Amino acid sequence: MRPAITVSLVPEAKGGPFVFWDGLSDAFSRAAQHGFDAVEIFPSGADVLNISEIRALQKEHGLSVAAVGTGAGWVKHKLHVCHPEESIRKQARAFLAAVIRKAGELGAPAIMGSMQGRVEVGVERDQALEWLFEAVAEAGQVASEAGQSFLYEPLNRYETNLFNRQRDGAGFLRERGVKGVRILADLFHMNIEEEDLAATLVGLGESLGHVHFADSNRRAIGFGHSDAGVIVAALKSMGYAGYLSAEILPWPDSESAARRTMESFRALVRS
């Protein structure tokens, strides 16, 4: 398992669960200083991802890009793939595809969390799920063409009414025969929805593609009441070798959040 940390390039998301906020150069430098292996980037869109700049930062600091988020599609542009208006759904899927392709150039998967949307008033659930299927199937195909997987993140009940539990999301992908898509398991969302986090992760098996390493209160692991030792032991038992990425609140500040994350990672994973 490898440690990663988040940076947001989206001013509209200020106050959200991202550790660094002062640009890519700052984030790469601080991530390297704290001992992380990678940075997870949340851009306002594909157009702000300067590939040559990011590759230069990767080379300078010896870091990878763990993943690229698409949440700004909703936060900034109010796009989601289950919107009742077809034109909005098309814009959402185009936004996703553009980010997926840029992420692929960086050797990273893209994530869909908030852009999945929800079952809106006046829309039948079956219809919303059909739109979700169309979107993730297309995203999986685009990601495969870019040499990557696409990451679908089930969210808690306060953020979506599509799939809140990890194995329900994985089951949907499996039953629909979706290719090229894996599950992003966010420990914060799981703390709200799952009965047993460790058992849920093991149950995902090869469907698990990425983990957001967050405590019960969305602060750094060690600042809440999650039994992170049991969770990490479960991940070790299943041979998970991906990222534990700190998509967390910068509490009490960015430096403290980054430091505590690495302290917890070293104690739990490298001990």
C-alpha atoms as a PDB file:
ATOM      1  CA  MET A   1       0.000   0.000   0.000  1.00  0.00           C
ATOM      2  CA  ARG A   2       1.143   3.512  -0.784  1.00  0.00           C
ATOM      3  CA  PRO A   3       0.273   6.860   0.850  1.00  0.00           C
ATOM      4  CA  ALA A   4      -1.207   9.722  -1.161  1.00  0.00           C
ATOM      5  CA  ILE A   5      -2.573  13.141  -0.259  1.00  0.00           C
ATOM      6  CA  THR A   6      -5.075  15.476  -1.896  1.00  0.00           C
ATOM      7  CA  VAL A   7      -4.807  18.924  -3.442  1.00  0.00           C
ATOM      8  CA  SER A   8      -7.787  20.972  -4.620  1.00  0.00           C
ATOM      9  CA  LEU A   9      -7.527  23.450  -7.482  1.00  0.00           C
ATOM     10  CA  VAL A  10     -11.195  24.426  -7.119  1.00  0.00           C
ATOM     11  CA  PRO A  11     -11.829  27.643  -5.138  1.00  0.00           C
ATOM     12  CA  GLU A  12     -15.560  26.869  -5.094  1.00  0.00           C
ATOM     13  CA  ALA A  13     -14.789  23.775  -2.988  1.00  0.00           C
ATOM     14  CA  LYS A  14     -13.010  25.748  -0.262  1.00  0.00           C
ATOM     15  CA  GLY A  15     -13.689  24.213   3.119  1.00  0.00           C
ATOM     16  CA  GLY A  16     -14.027  20.748   1.608  1.00  0.00           C
ATOM     17  CA  PRO A  17     -12.049  17.576   2.373  1.00  0.00           C
ATOM     18  CA  PHE A  18      -8.767  18.329   0.663  1.00  0.00           C
ATOM     19  CA  VAL A  19      -5.466  18.869   2.462  1.00  0.00           C
ATOM     20  CA  PHE A  20      -3.597  21.279   0.200  1.00  0.00           C
ATOM     21  CA  TRP A  21      -5.095  24.337  -1.487  1.00  0.00           C
ATOM     22  CA  ASP A  22      -2.214  26.487  -2.727  1.00  0.00           C
ATOM     23  CA  GLY A  23      -1.505  25.051  -6.156  1.00  0.00           C
ATOM     24  CA  LEU A  24       0.296  22.063  -7.573  1.00  0.00           C
ATOM     25  CA  SER A  25       3.854  23.231  -6.970  1.00  0.00           C
ATOM     26  CA  ASP A  26       3.132  23.799  -3.281  1.00  0.00           C
ATOM     27  CA  ALA A  27       1.272  20.491  -2.954  1.00  0.00           C
ATOM     28  CA  PHE A  28       3.969  18.388  -4.608  1.00  0.00           C
ATOM     29  CA  SER A  29       6.681  20.014  -2.505  1.00  0.00           C
ATOM     30  CA  ARG A  30       4.839  19.559   0.794  1.00  0.00           C
ATOM     31  CA  ALA A  31       3.731  16.032  -0.056  1.00  0.00           C
ATOM     32  CA  ALA A  32       7.342  15.035  -0.735  1.00  0.00           C
ATOM     33  CA  GLN A  33       8.521  16.671   2.489  1.00  0.00           C
ATOM     34  CA  HIS A  34       6.030  14.602   4.487  1.00  0.00           C
ATOM     35  CA  GLY A  35       7.009  11.362   2.748  1.00  0.00           C
ATOM     36  CA  PHE A  36       3.962  10.696   0.571  1.00  0.00           C
ATOM     37  CA  ASP A  37       4.314   8.658  -2.594  1.00  0.00           C
ATOM     38  CA  ALA A  38       1.684  10.475  -4.639  1.00  0.00           C
ATOM     39  CA  VAL A  39      -0.686  13.405  -4.956  1.00  0.00           C
ATOM     40  CA  GLU A  40      -4.384  13.117  -5.772  1.00  0.00           C
ATOM     41  CA  ILE A  41      -5.547  16.125  -7.815  1.00  0.00           C
ATOM     42  CA  PHE A  42      -8.995  17.748  -7.854  1.00  0.00           C
ATOM     43  CA  PRO A  43      -9.059  20.197 -10.784  1.00  0.00           C
ATOM     44  CA  SER A  44     -11.815  22.527 -11.955  1.00  0.00           C
ATOM     45  CA  GLY A  45     -11.709  20.715 -15.299  1.00  0.00           C
ATOM     46  CA  ALA A  46      -9.432  18.966 -17.758  1.00  0.00           C
ATOM     47  CA  ASP A  47      -8.302  22.285 -19.183  1.00  0.00           C
ATOM     48  CA  VAL A  48      -6.357  23.255 -16.040  1.00  0.00           C
ATOM     49  CA  LEU A  49      -4.267  20.078 -16.063  1.00  0.00           C
ATOM     50  CA  ASN A  50      -1.004  21.139 -17.674  1.00  0.00           C
ATOM     51  CA  ILE A  51       0.589  17.771 -18.403  1.00  0.00           C
ATOM     52  CA  SER A  52       4.120  19.054 -18.957  1.00  0.00           C
ATOM     53  CA  GLU A  53       3.992  21.064 -15.696  1.00  0.00           C
ATOM     54  CA  ILE A  54       2.725  18.095 -13.698  1.00  0.00           C
ATOM     55  CA  ARG A  55       5.295  15.725 -15.202  1.00  0.00           C
ATOM     56  CA  ALA A  56       8.035  18.181 -14.291  1.00  0.00           C
ATOM     57  CA  LEU A  57       6.760  18.315 -10.707  1.00  0.00           C
ATOM     58  CA  GLN A  58       6.593  14.526 -10.591  1.00  0.00           C
ATOM     59  CA  LYS A  59      10.204  14.267 -11.723  1.00  0.00           C
ATOM     60  CA  GLU A  60      11.403  17.008  -9.367  1.00  0.00           C
ATOM     61  CA  HIS A  61       9.793  15.487  -6.279  1.00  0.00           C
ATOM     62  CA  GLY A  62       9.749  11.799  -7.159  1.00  0.00           C
ATOM     63  CA  LEU A  63       5.970  11.529  -6.814  1.00  0.00           C
ATOM     64  CA  SER A  64       3.181   9.905  -8.801  1.00  0.00           C
ATOM     65  CA  VAL A  65      -0.368  11.074  -9.439  1.00  0.00           C
ATOM     66  CA  ALA A  66      -2.630   8.713  -7.514  1.00  0.00           C
ATOM     67  CA  ALA A  67      -5.908   9.785  -9.129  1.00  0.00           C
ATOM     68  CA  VAL A  68      -7.736  12.776 -10.583  1.00  0.00           C
ATOM     69  CA  GLY A  69     -11.137  13.808  -9.253  1.00  0.00           C
ATOM     70  CA  THR A  70     -14.098  15.102 -11.238  1.00  0.00           C
ATOM     71  CA  GLY A  71     -16.098  16.625  -8.382  1.00  0.00           C
ATOM     72  CA  ALA A  72     -15.824  20.128  -9.794  1.00  0.00           C
ATOM     73  CA  GLY A  73     -18.204  18.999 -12.513  1.00  0.00           C
ATOM     74  CA  TRP A  74     -20.885  19.195  -9.832  1.00  0.00           C
ATOM     75  CA  VAL A  75     -19.460  21.739  -7.368  1.00  0.00           C
ATOM     76  CA  LYS A  76     -18.483  24.328  -9.975  1.00  0.00           C
ATOM     77  CA  HIS A  77     -20.533  23.506 -13.072  1.00  0.00           C
ATOM     78  CA  LYS A  78     -23.617  21.770 -11.586  1.00  0.00           C
ATOM     79  CA  LEU A  79     -23.318  18.775 -13.892  1.00  0.00           C
ATOM     80  CA  HIS A  80     -24.228  15.215 -13.014  1.00  0.00           C
ATOM     81  CA  VAL A  81     -24.938  12.083 -15.021  1.00  0.00           C
ATOM     82  CA  CYS A  82     -28.466  11.473 -13.673  1.00  0.00           C
ATOM     83  CA  HIS A  83     -29.820  14.959 -14.356  1.00  0.00           C
ATOM     84  CA  PRO A  84     -33.348  15.013 -15.831  1.00  0.00           C
ATOM     85  CA  GLU A  85     -32.169  17.201 -18.723  1.00  0.00           C
ATOM     86  CA  GLU A  86     -30.456  15.269 -21.508  1.00  0.00           C
ATOM     87  CA  SER A  87     -28.237  18.232 -22.425  1.00  0.00           C
ATOM     88  CA  ILE A  88     -26.870  18.363 -18.869  1.00  0.00           C
ATOM     89  CA  ARG A  89     -26.214  14.629 -18.855  1.00  0.00           C
ATOM     90  CA  LYS A  90     -24.305  14.930 -22.126  1.00  0.00           C
ATOM     91  CA  GLN A  91     -22.216  17.799 -20.759  1.00  0.00           C
ATOM     92  CA  ALA A  92     -21.497  15.764 -17.630  1.00  0.00           C
ATOM     93  CA  ARG A  93     -20.292  12.766 -19.623  1.00  0.00           C
ATOM     94  CA  ALA A  94     -18.133  14.980 -21.841  1.00  0.00           C
ATOM     95  CA  PHE A  95     -16.615  16.569 -18.715  1.00  0.00           C
ATOM     96  CA  LEU A  96     -15.836  13.115 -17.329  1.00  0.00           C
ATOM     97  CA  ALA A  97     -14.307  11.897 -20.578  1.00  0.00           C
ATOM     98  CA  ALA A  98     -12.015  14.916 -20.847  1.00  0.00           C
ATOM     99  CA  VAL A  99     -10.707  14.435 -17.301  1.00  0.00           C
ATOM    100  CA  ILE A 100     -10.296  10.676 -17.816  1.00  0.00           C
ATOM    101  CA  ARG A 101      -8.121  11.257 -20.872  1.00  0.00           C
ATOM    102  CA  LYS A 102      -5.926  13.830 -19.103  1.00  0.00           C
ATOM    103  CA  ALA A 103      -5.593  11.561 -16.073  1.00  0.00           C
ATOM    104  CA  GLY A 104      -4.560   8.745 -18.388  1.00  0.00           C
ATOM    105  CA  GLU A 105      -1.715  10.883 -19.720  1.00  0.00           C
ATOM    106  CA  LEU A 106      -0.489  11.091 -16.133  1.00  0.00           C
ATOM    107  CA  GLY A 107      -0.808   7.343 -15.597  1.00  0.00           C
ATOM    108  CA  ALA A 108      -3.707   7.814 -13.193  1.00  0.00           C
ATOM    109  CA  PRO A 109      -7.382   6.854 -12.942  1.00  0.00           C
ATOM    110  CA  ALA A 110     -10.179   9.391 -12.721  1.00  0.00           C
ATOM    111  CA  ILE A 111     -12.852   9.341 -10.010  1.00  0.00           C
ATOM    112  CA  MET A 112     -16.603   9.869 -10.142  1.00  0.00           C
ATOM    113  CA  GLY A 113     -18.118  10.728  -6.782  1.00  0.00           C
ATOM    114  CA  SER A 114     -20.455  13.704  -6.640  1.00  0.00           C
ATOM    115  CA  MET A 115     -20.939  13.755 -10.418  1.00  0.00           C
ATOM    116  CA  GLN A 116     -23.041  10.604 -10.162  1.00  0.00           C
ATOM    117  CA  GLY A 117     -25.811  12.853  -8.841  1.00  0.00           C
ATOM    118  CA  ARG A 118     -28.999  11.382  -7.430  1.00  0.00           C
ATOM    119  CA  VAL A 119     -32.508  10.272  -8.321  1.00  0.00           C
ATOM    120  CA  GLU A 120     -34.182  13.650  -8.841  1.00  0.00           C
ATOM    121  CA  VAL A 121     -37.817  14.455  -8.070  1.00  0.00           C
ATOM    122  CA  GLY A 122     -39.981  13.332 -10.973  1.00  0.00           C
ATOM    123  CA  VAL A 123     -37.470  10.715 -12.184  1.00  0.00           C
ATOM    124  CA  GLU A 124     -38.041   6.995 -11.609  1.00  0.00           C
ATOM    125  CA  ARG A 125     -35.151   5.169  -9.914  1.00  0.00           C
ATOM    126  CA  ASP A 126     -34.908   2.634 -12.746  1.00  0.00           C
ATOM    127  CA  GLN A 127     -34.445   5.469 -15.216  1.00  0.00           C
ATOM    128  CA  ALA A 128     -31.765   7.135 -13.097  1.00  0.00           C
ATOM    129  CA  LEU A 129     -29.921   3.836 -12.796  1.00  0.00           C
ATOM    130  CA  GLU A 130     -30.044   3.410 -16.567  1.00  0.00           C
ATOM    131  CA  TRP A 131     -28.453   6.828 -16.980  1.00  0.00           C
ATOM    132  CA  LEU A 132     -25.841   5.926 -14.367  1.00  0.00           C
ATOM    133  CA  PHE A 133     -25.086   2.681 -16.194  1.00  0.00           C
ATOM    134  CA  GLU A 134     -24.669   4.503 -19.510  1.00  0.00           C
ATOM    135  CA  ALA A 135     -22.296   7.002 -17.903  1.00  0.00           C
ATOM    136  CA  VAL A 136     -20.074   4.524 -16.065  1.00  0.00           C
ATOM    137  CA  ALA A 137     -19.965   2.162 -19.047  1.00  0.00           C
ATOM    138  CA  GLU A 138     -18.819   5.006 -21.285  1.00  0.00           C
ATOM    139  CA  ALA A 139     -16.323   6.195 -18.668  1.00  0.00           C
ATOM    140  CA  GLY A 140     -14.935   2.684 -18.302  1.00  0.00           C
ATOM    141  CA  GLN A 141     -14.436   2.446 -22.050  1.00  0.00           C
ATOM    142  CA  VAL A 142     -12.681   5.833 -22.245  1.00  0.00           C
ATOM    143  CA  ALA A 143     -10.494   4.891 -19.277  1.00  0.00           C
ATOM    144  CA  SER A 144      -9.578   1.541 -20.829  1.00  0.00           C
ATOM    145  CA  GLU A 145      -8.533   3.311 -24.019  1.00  0.00           C
ATOM    146  CA  ALA A 146      -6.301   5.522 -21.850  1.00  0.00           C
ATOM    147  CA  GLY A 147      -4.783   2.461 -20.191  1.00  0.00           C
ATOM    148  CA  GLN A 148      -6.504   2.996 -16.846  1.00  0.00           C
ATOM    149  CA  SER A 149      -9.463   1.950 -14.767  1.00  0.00           C
ATOM    150  CA  PHE A 150     -12.267   4.346 -13.864  1.00  0.00           C
ATOM    151  CA  LEU A 151     -13.156   4.719 -10.178  1.00  0.00           C
ATOM    152  CA  TYR A 152     -16.781   4.818  -9.027  1.00  0.00           C
ATOM    153  CA  GLU A 153     -17.283   6.033  -5.456  1.00  0.00           C
ATOM    154  CA  PRO A 154     -20.465   5.155  -3.544  1.00  0.00           C
ATOM    155  CA  LEU A 155     -21.323   8.109  -1.285  1.00  0.00           C
ATOM    156  CA  ASN A 156     -23.228   8.365   1.974  1.00  0.00           C
ATOM    157  CA  ARG A 157     -26.996   8.928   2.121  1.00  0.00           C
ATOM    158  CA  TYR A 158     -26.633  12.678   2.589  1.00  0.00           C
ATOM    159  CA  GLU A 159     -24.840  13.052  -0.753  1.00  0.00           C
ATOM    160  CA  THR A 160     -26.647  10.604  -3.036  1.00  0.00           C
ATOM    161  CA  ASN A 161     -29.611   8.234  -3.069  1.00  0.00           C
ATOM    162  CA  LEU A 162     -28.132   5.977  -5.762  1.00  0.00           C
ATOM    163  CA  PHE A 163     -25.733   3.577  -4.004  1.00  0.00           C
ATOM    164  CA  ASN A 164     -24.554   4.226  -0.457  1.00  0.00           C
ATOM    165  CA  ARG A 165     -22.996   0.857   0.375  1.00  0.00           C
ATOM    166  CA  GLN A 166     -19.843  -0.375  -1.298  1.00  0.00           C
ATOM    167  CA  ARG A 167     -20.976  -3.864  -2.240  1.00  0.00           C
ATOM    168  CA  ASP A 168     -24.253  -2.523  -3.629  1.00  0.00           C
ATOM    169  CA  GLY A 169     -22.251  -0.297  -5.956  1.00  0.00           C
ATOM    170  CA  ALA A 170     -19.947  -3.165  -6.920  1.00  0.00           C
ATOM    171  CA  GLY A 171     -22.951  -5.432  -7.475  1.00  0.00           C
ATOM    172  CA  PHE A 172     -24.525  -2.882  -9.819  1.00  0.00           C
ATOM    173  CA  LEU A 173     -21.378  -2.770 -11.932  1.00  0.00           C
ATOM    174  CA  ARG A 174     -21.113  -6.554 -11.981  1.00  0.00           C
ATOM    175  CA  GLU A 175     -24.775  -7.206 -12.805  1.00  0.00           C
ATOM    176  CA  ARG A 176     -24.697  -4.665 -15.643  1.00  0.00           C
ATOM    177  CA  GLY A 177     -21.467  -6.115 -17.016  1.00  0.00           C
ATOM    178  CA  VAL A 178     -19.624  -2.804 -16.778  1.00  0.00           C
ATOM    179  CA  LYS A 179     -15.980  -3.112 -17.827  1.00  0.00           C
ATOM    180  CA  GLY A 180     -13.013  -0.995 -16.802  1.00  0.00           C
ATOM    181  CA  VAL A 181     -14.612   0.360 -13.612  1.00  0.00           C
ATOM    182  CA  ARG A 182     -13.569  -0.360 -10.038  1.00  0.00           C
ATOM    183  CA  ILE A 183     -14.798   0.817  -6.654  1.00  0.00           C
ATOM    184  CA  LEU A 184     -13.300   3.667  -4.672  1.00  0.00           C
ATOM    185  CA  ALA A 185     -13.961   2.911  -1.003  1.00  0.00           C
ATOM    186  CA  ASP A 186     -13.992   6.070   1.109  1.00  0.00           C
ATOM    187  CA  LEU A 187     -13.659   5.205   4.803  1.00  0.00           C
ATOM    188  CA  PHE A 188     -15.569   8.341   5.843  1.00  0.00           C
ATOM    189  CA  HIS A 189     -18.635   7.402   3.790  1.00  0.00           C
ATOM    190  CA  MET A 190     -18.276   3.800   4.913  1.00  0.00           C
ATOM    191  CA  ASN A 191     -18.330   4.852   8.584  1.00  0.00           C
ATOM    192  CA  ILE A 192     -21.835   6.200   7.983  1.00  0.00           C
ATOM    193  CA  GLU A 193     -23.219   3.342   5.906  1.00  0.00           C
ATOM    194  CA  GLU A 194     -21.418   0.054   6.601  1.00  0.00           C
ATOM    195  CA  GLU A 195     -21.857  -2.307   9.536  1.00  0.00           C
ATOM    196  CA  ASP A 196     -18.342  -3.732   9.298  1.00  0.00           C
ATOM    197  CA  LEU A 197     -15.763  -1.761   7.321  1.00  0.00           C
ATOM    198  CA  ALA A 198     -13.115  -4.472   7.277  1.00  0.00           C
ATOM    199  CA  ALA A 199     -15.512  -7.186   6.121  1.00  0.00           C
ATOM    200  CA  THR A 200     -16.920  -4.882   3.462  1.00  0.00           C
ATOM    201  CA  LEU A 201     -13.470  -4.196   2.029  1.00  0.00           C
ATOM    202  CA  VAL A 202     -12.606  -7.889   1.942  1.00  0.00           C
ATOM    203  CA  GLY A 203     -15.965  -8.571   0.303  1.00  0.00           C
ATOM    204  CA  LEU A 204     -15.130  -6.164  -2.509  1.00  0.00           C
ATOM    205  CA  GLY A 205     -12.130  -8.264  -3.470  1.00  0.00           C
ATOM    206  CA  GLU A 206     -10.701  -7.367  -6.869  1.00  0.00           C
ATOM    207  CA  SER A 207     -13.426  -4.749  -7.365  1.00  0.00           C
ATOM    208  CA  LEU A 208     -11.540  -2.477  -4.961  1.00  0.00           C
ATOM    209  CA  GLY A 209      -9.426   0.006  -6.880  1.00  0.00           C
ATOM    210  CA  HIS A 210      -8.674   2.866  -4.471  1.00  0.00           C
ATOM    211  CA  VAL A 211      -9.152   3.832  -0.823  1.00  0.00           C
ATOM    212  CA  HIS A 212      -9.782   7.258   0.681  1.00  0.00           C
ATOM    213  CA  PHE A 213      -7.942   7.118   3.992  1.00  0.00           C
ATOM    214  CA  ALA A 214     -10.178   9.161   6.301  1.00  0.00           C
ATOM    215  CA  ASP A 215     -11.251   8.836   9.911  1.00  0.00           C
ATOM    216  CA  SER A 216     -14.859   8.736  11.108  1.00  0.00           C
ATOM    217  CA  ASN A 217     -15.075  12.548  11.273  1.00  0.00           C
ATOM    218  CA  ARG A 218     -13.366  13.086   7.903  1.00  0.00           C
ATOM    219  CA  ARG A 219     -10.196  14.209   9.618  1.00  0.00           C
ATOM    220  CA  ALA A 220      -6.842  12.447   9.371  1.00  0.00           C
ATOM    221  CA  ILE A 221      -6.665   8.841  10.551  1.00  0.00           C
ATOM    222  CA  GLY A 222      -5.981   9.118  14.266  1.00  0.00           C
ATOM    223  CA  PHE A 223      -8.131  12.224  14.788  1.00  0.00           C
ATOM    224  CA  GLY A 224     -11.392  10.233  14.981  1.00  0.00           C
ATOM    225  CA  HIS A 225     -12.659   6.935  16.376  1.00  0.00           C
ATOM    226  CA  SER A 226     -12.253   4.507  13.460  1.00  0.00           C
ATOM    227  CA  ASP A 227     -10.442   1.254  14.237  1.00  0.00           C
ATOM    228  CA  ALA A 228      -7.923   1.823  11.493  1.00  0.00           C
ATOM    229  CA  GLY A 229      -5.754  -1.084  12.578  1.00  0.00           C
ATOM    230  CA  VAL A 230      -8.493  -3.593  11.777  1.00  0.00           C
ATOM    231  CA  ILE A 231      -9.155  -1.870   8.436  1.00  0.00           C
ATOM    232  CA  VAL A 232      -5.511  -1.924   7.370  1.00  0.00           C
ATOM    233  CA  ALA A 233      -5.173  -5.549   8.501  1.00  0.00           C
ATOM    234  CA  ALA A 234      -8.115  -6.426   6.259  1.00  0.00           C
ATOM    235  CA  LEU A 235      -6.520  -4.645   3.309  1.00  0.00           C
ATOM    236  CA  LYS A 236      -3.260  -6.498   3.927  1.00  0.00           C
ATOM    237  CA  SER A 237      -5.097  -9.825   4.108  1.00  0.00           C
ATOM    238  CA  MET A 238      -6.615  -9.280   0.668  1.00  0.00           C
ATOM    239  CA  GLY A 239      -3.335  -8.196  -0.885  1.00  0.00           C
ATOM    240  CA  TYR A 240      -4.453  -4.650  -1.609  1.00  0.00           C
ATOM    241  CA  ALA A 241      -1.477  -2.794  -3.096  1.00  0.00           C
ATOM    242  CA  GLY A 242      -3.113   0.469  -4.149  1.00  0.00           C
ATOM    243  CA  TYR A 243      -3.201   3.902  -2.589  1.00  0.00           C
ATOM    244  CA  LEU A 244      -4.445   5.006   0.795  1.00  0.00           C
ATOM    245  CA  SER A 245      -5.236   8.579  -0.152  1.00  0.00           C
ATOM    246  CA  ALA A 246      -5.997  11.274   2.403  1.00  0.00           C
ATOM    247  CA  GLU A 247      -9.161  12.945   1.145  1.00  0.00           C
ATOM    248  CA  ILE A 248      -9.682  14.669   4.474  1.00  0.00           C
ATOM    249  CA  LEU A 249     -10.377  18.017   6.052  1.00  0.00           C
ATOM    250  CA  PRO A 250      -7.237  20.098   6.612  1.00  0.00           C
ATOM    251  CA  TRP A 251      -7.827  20.018  10.374  1.00  0.00           C
ATOM    252  CA  PRO A 252      -6.556  21.701  12.438  1.00  0.00           C
ATOM    253  CA  ASP A 253      -4.462  22.825   9.478  1.00  0.00           C
ATOM    254  CA  SER A 254      -2.929  21.318   6.367  1.00  0.00           C
ATOM    255  CA  GLU A 255       0.443  20.568   7.920  1.00  0.00           C
ATOM    256  CA  SER A 256      -1.040  18.840  10.955  1.00  0.00           C
ATOM    257  CA  ALA A 257      -3.381  16.783   8.774  1.00  0.00           C
ATOM    258  CA  ALA A 258      -0.544  15.681   6.503  1.00  0.00           C
ATOM    259  CA  ARG A 259       1.760  14.875   9.415  1.00  0.00           C
ATOM    260  CA  ARG A 260      -0.856  12.823  11.275  1.00  0.00           C
ATOM    261  CA  THR A 261      -1.764  10.920   8.111  1.00  0.00           C
ATOM    262  CA  MET A 262       1.829   9.847   7.573  1.00  0.00           C
ATOM    263  CA  GLU A 263       2.298   9.001  11.253  1.00  0.00           C
ATOM    264  CA  SER A 264      -0.757   6.751  11.077  1.00  0.00           C
ATOM    265  CA  PHE A 265       0.301   5.229   7.764  1.00  0.00           C
ATOM    266  CA  ARG A 266       3.756   4.366   9.062  1.00  0.00           C
ATOM    267  CA  ALA A 267       2.383   2.897  12.277  1.00  0.00           C
ATOM    268  CA  LEU A 268      -0.338   0.846  10.598  1.00  0.00           C
ATOM    269  CA  VAL A 269       1.148  -0.150   7.240  1.00  0.00           C
ATOM    270  CA  ARG A 270       4.920  -0.092   7.621  1.00  0.00           C
ATOM    271  CA  SER A 271       5.212  -1.351  11.176  1.00  0.00           C
END
